[in-house]
Amino acid sequence: ERAGARAAWEKALVRDPKSADVRLNLCLLAFDEGRLDDARRLLDEARSLEPGRGDVYFHIARIEAVRGDGESALASLEEARRRGFDIRGAVLNDPAFTRLLANPEFRGWLER
């Protein structure tokens, strides 16, 4: 099922090589498959195409959080928030942030 979805998104990328949306969808698949380096590369490409997108920074934070880099995850979440992405609900409902949510300082920052 995922292989079919990946193939479809890869075809979409060939048809529209300037699409940040296609890259974001490919990133989500890569993240779910544990291919974090591929996911990050796709996000970097999406960010270069549409630098104002807060959702891209949120997904960068997910990768950083899973890798255990809380400081970088926080910086990326701040950037996502600055760009208008509503991070609170997204973070609270995403298992990638479980370790960070256990930190009272992080929870306090999130509530600001």
C-alpha atoms as a PDB file:
ATOM      1  CA  GLU A   1       0.000   0.000   0.000  1.00  0.00           C
ATOM      2  CA  ARG A   2       2.755   2.473   0.930  1.00  0.00           C
ATOM      3  CA  ALA A   3       4.834   1.416  -2.049  1.00  0.00           C
ATOM      4  CA  GLY A   4       1.901   2.274  -4.309  1.00  0.00           C
ATOM      5  CA  ALA A   5       1.439   5.627  -2.626  1.00  0.00           C
ATOM      6  CA  ARG A   6       5.151   6.377  -2.895  1.00  0.00           C
ATOM      7  CA  ALA A   7       5.133   5.452  -6.600  1.00  0.00           C
ATOM      8  CA  ALA A   8       2.151   7.727  -7.209  1.00  0.00           C
ATOM      9  CA  TRP A   9       3.792  10.669  -5.433  1.00  0.00           C
ATOM     10  CA  GLU A  10       7.073  10.077  -7.245  1.00  0.00           C
ATOM     11  CA  LYS A  11       5.190  10.223 -10.571  1.00  0.00           C
ATOM     12  CA  ALA A  12       3.524  13.425  -9.410  1.00  0.00           C
ATOM     13  CA  LEU A  13       6.963  14.873  -8.665  1.00  0.00           C
ATOM     14  CA  VAL A  14       8.106  14.087 -12.208  1.00  0.00           C
ATOM     15  CA  ARG A  15       5.014  15.874 -13.551  1.00  0.00           C
ATOM     16  CA  ASP A  16       5.451  18.845 -11.213  1.00  0.00           C
ATOM     17  CA  PRO A  17       9.087  19.105 -10.080  1.00  0.00           C
ATOM     18  CA  LYS A  18       8.515  22.497  -8.396  1.00  0.00           C
ATOM     19  CA  SER A  19       5.808  21.198  -6.052  1.00  0.00           C
ATOM     20  CA  ALA A  20       6.462  21.624  -2.342  1.00  0.00           C
ATOM     21  CA  ASP A  21       3.197  19.758  -1.639  1.00  0.00           C
ATOM     22  CA  VAL A  22       4.384  16.632  -3.436  1.00  0.00           C
ATOM     23  CA  ARG A  23       7.671  16.747  -1.553  1.00  0.00           C
ATOM     24  CA  LEU A  24       5.802  17.116   1.730  1.00  0.00           C
ATOM     25  CA  ASN A  25       3.690  14.042   0.968  1.00  0.00           C
ATOM     26  CA  LEU A  26       6.779  12.054   0.028  1.00  0.00           C
ATOM     27  CA  CYS A  27       8.381  13.250   3.258  1.00  0.00           C
ATOM     28  CA  LEU A  28       5.450  11.942   5.309  1.00  0.00           C
ATOM     29  CA  LEU A  29       5.796   8.532   3.702  1.00  0.00           C
ATOM     30  CA  ALA A  30       9.553   8.508   4.274  1.00  0.00           C
ATOM     31  CA  PHE A  31       9.064   9.530   7.919  1.00  0.00           C
ATOM     32  CA  ASP A  32       6.522   6.761   8.495  1.00  0.00           C
ATOM     33  CA  GLU A  33       8.974   4.279   6.959  1.00  0.00           C
ATOM     34  CA  GLY A  34      11.784   5.469   9.240  1.00  0.00           C
ATOM     35  CA  ARG A  35      13.775   7.005   6.388  1.00  0.00           C
ATOM     36  CA  LEU A  36      14.528  10.179   8.303  1.00  0.00           C
ATOM     37  CA  ASP A  37      17.412  11.359   6.112  1.00  0.00           C
ATOM     38  CA  ASP A  38      15.198  11.115   3.013  1.00  0.00           C
ATOM     39  CA  ALA A  39      12.374  12.876   4.833  1.00  0.00           C
ATOM     40  CA  ARG A  40      14.677  15.714   5.876  1.00  0.00           C
ATOM     41  CA  ARG A  41      16.082  16.108   2.353  1.00  0.00           C
ATOM     42  CA  LEU A  42      12.544  16.385   0.960  1.00  0.00           C
ATOM     43  CA  LEU A  43      11.646  18.980   3.578  1.00  0.00           C
ATOM     44  CA  ASP A  44      14.744  21.009   2.783  1.00  0.00           C
ATOM     45  CA  GLU A  45      13.731  20.958  -0.879  1.00  0.00           C
ATOM     46  CA  ALA A  46      10.151  21.985  -0.015  1.00  0.00           C
ATOM     47  CA  ARG A  47      11.465  24.791   2.187  1.00  0.00           C
ATOM     48  CA  SER A  48      13.635  26.118  -0.636  1.00  0.00           C
ATOM     49  CA  LEU A  49      10.600  26.123  -2.951  1.00  0.00           C
ATOM     50  CA  GLU A  50       8.188  27.718  -0.445  1.00  0.00           C
ATOM     51  CA  PRO A  51      10.171  29.203   2.453  1.00  0.00           C
ATOM     52  CA  GLY A  52       7.121  30.703   4.163  1.00  0.00           C
ATOM     53  CA  ARG A  53       5.394  27.403   4.948  1.00  0.00           C
ATOM     54  CA  GLY A  54       5.101  26.744   8.660  1.00  0.00           C
ATOM     55  CA  ASP A  55       4.099  23.117   8.139  1.00  0.00           C
ATOM     56  CA  VAL A  56       7.513  22.366   6.674  1.00  0.00           C
ATOM     57  CA  TYR A  57       9.193  23.604   9.861  1.00  0.00           C
ATOM     58  CA  PHE A  58       6.780  21.548  11.959  1.00  0.00           C
ATOM     59  CA  HIS A  59       7.777  18.381  10.107  1.00  0.00           C
ATOM     60  CA  ILE A  60      11.456  19.274  10.455  1.00  0.00           C
ATOM     61  CA  ALA A  61      10.807  19.506  14.213  1.00  0.00           C
ATOM     62  CA  ARG A  62       9.238  16.026  14.152  1.00  0.00           C
ATOM     63  CA  ILE A  63      12.417  14.570  12.670  1.00  0.00           C
ATOM     64  CA  GLU A  64      14.612  16.427  15.154  1.00  0.00           C
ATOM     65  CA  ALA A  65      12.423  15.272  18.056  1.00  0.00           C
ATOM     66  CA  VAL A  66      12.584  11.625  16.969  1.00  0.00           C
ATOM     67  CA  ARG A  67      16.359  11.933  16.697  1.00  0.00           C
ATOM     68  CA  GLY A  68      16.479  13.240  20.258  1.00  0.00           C
ATOM     69  CA  ASP A  69      17.575  16.770  19.369  1.00  0.00           C
ATOM     70  CA  GLY A  70      15.129  18.690  21.531  1.00  0.00           C
ATOM     71  CA  GLU A  71      16.904  22.018  21.162  1.00  0.00           C
ATOM     72  CA  SER A  72      16.705  21.930  17.360  1.00  0.00           C
ATOM     73  CA  ALA A  73      13.122  20.656  17.500  1.00  0.00           C
ATOM     74  CA  LEU A  74      12.167  23.602  19.685  1.00  0.00           C
ATOM     75  CA  ALA A  75      13.847  26.076  17.313  1.00  0.00           C
ATOM     76  CA  SER A  76      11.985  24.548  14.357  1.00  0.00           C
ATOM     77  CA  LEU A  77       8.685  24.655  16.259  1.00  0.00           C
ATOM     78  CA  GLU A  78       9.282  28.317  17.057  1.00  0.00           C
ATOM     79  CA  GLU A  79       9.848  28.959  13.354  1.00  0.00           C
ATOM     80  CA  ALA A  80       6.679  27.026  12.452  1.00  0.00           C
ATOM     81  CA  ARG A  81       4.707  29.097  14.976  1.00  0.00           C
ATOM     82  CA  ARG A  82       6.234  32.324  13.656  1.00  0.00           C
ATOM     83  CA  ARG A  83       5.080  31.371  10.174  1.00  0.00           C
ATOM     84  CA  GLY A  84       1.496  30.862  11.332  1.00  0.00           C
ATOM     85  CA  PHE A  85       1.370  27.106  11.919  1.00  0.00           C
ATOM     86  CA  ASP A  86      -0.752  26.162  14.948  1.00  0.00           C
ATOM     87  CA  ILE A  87       1.720  23.876  16.662  1.00  0.00           C
ATOM     88  CA  ARG A  88      -0.019  23.212  19.978  1.00  0.00           C
ATOM     89  CA  GLY A  89      -2.608  20.677  18.836  1.00  0.00           C
ATOM     90  CA  ALA A  90      -0.250  19.170  16.308  1.00  0.00           C
ATOM     91  CA  VAL A  91       2.461  18.573  18.922  1.00  0.00           C
ATOM     92  CA  LEU A  92       0.073  17.223  21.557  1.00  0.00           C
ATOM     93  CA  ASN A  93      -1.303  14.657  19.104  1.00  0.00           C
ATOM     94  CA  ASP A  94       1.968  13.536  17.530  1.00  0.00           C
ATOM     95  CA  PRO A  95       3.914  10.629  19.094  1.00  0.00           C
ATOM     96  CA  ALA A  96       7.142  12.085  17.694  1.00  0.00           C
ATOM     97  CA  PHE A  97       7.036  14.619  20.532  1.00  0.00           C
ATOM     98  CA  THR A  98       6.395  12.183  23.416  1.00  0.00           C
ATOM     99  CA  ARG A  99       9.845  12.629  24.959  1.00  0.00           C
ATOM    100  CA  LEU A 100       9.709  16.410  24.688  1.00  0.00           C
ATOM    101  CA  LEU A 101       6.229  16.538  26.204  1.00  0.00           C
ATOM    102  CA  ALA A 102       7.586  14.812  29.309  1.00  0.00           C
ATOM    103  CA  ASN A 103       9.724  17.907  29.934  1.00  0.00           C
ATOM    104  CA  PRO A 104       7.799  20.484  32.035  1.00  0.00           C
ATOM    105  CA  GLU A 105       9.784  23.369  30.513  1.00  0.00           C
ATOM    106  CA  PHE A 106       8.792  22.284  27.017  1.00  0.00           C
ATOM    107  CA  ARG A 107       5.141  21.951  28.025  1.00  0.00           C
ATOM    108  CA  GLY A 108       5.314  25.441  29.506  1.00  0.00           C
ATOM    109  CA  TRP A 109       6.767  26.830  26.306  1.00  0.00           C
ATOM    110  CA  LEU A 110       4.068  25.077  24.284  1.00  0.00           C
ATOM    111  CA  GLU A 111       1.316  26.689  26.356  1.00  0.00           C
ATOM    112  CA  ARG A 112       2.604  30.216  25.657  1.00  0.00           C
END
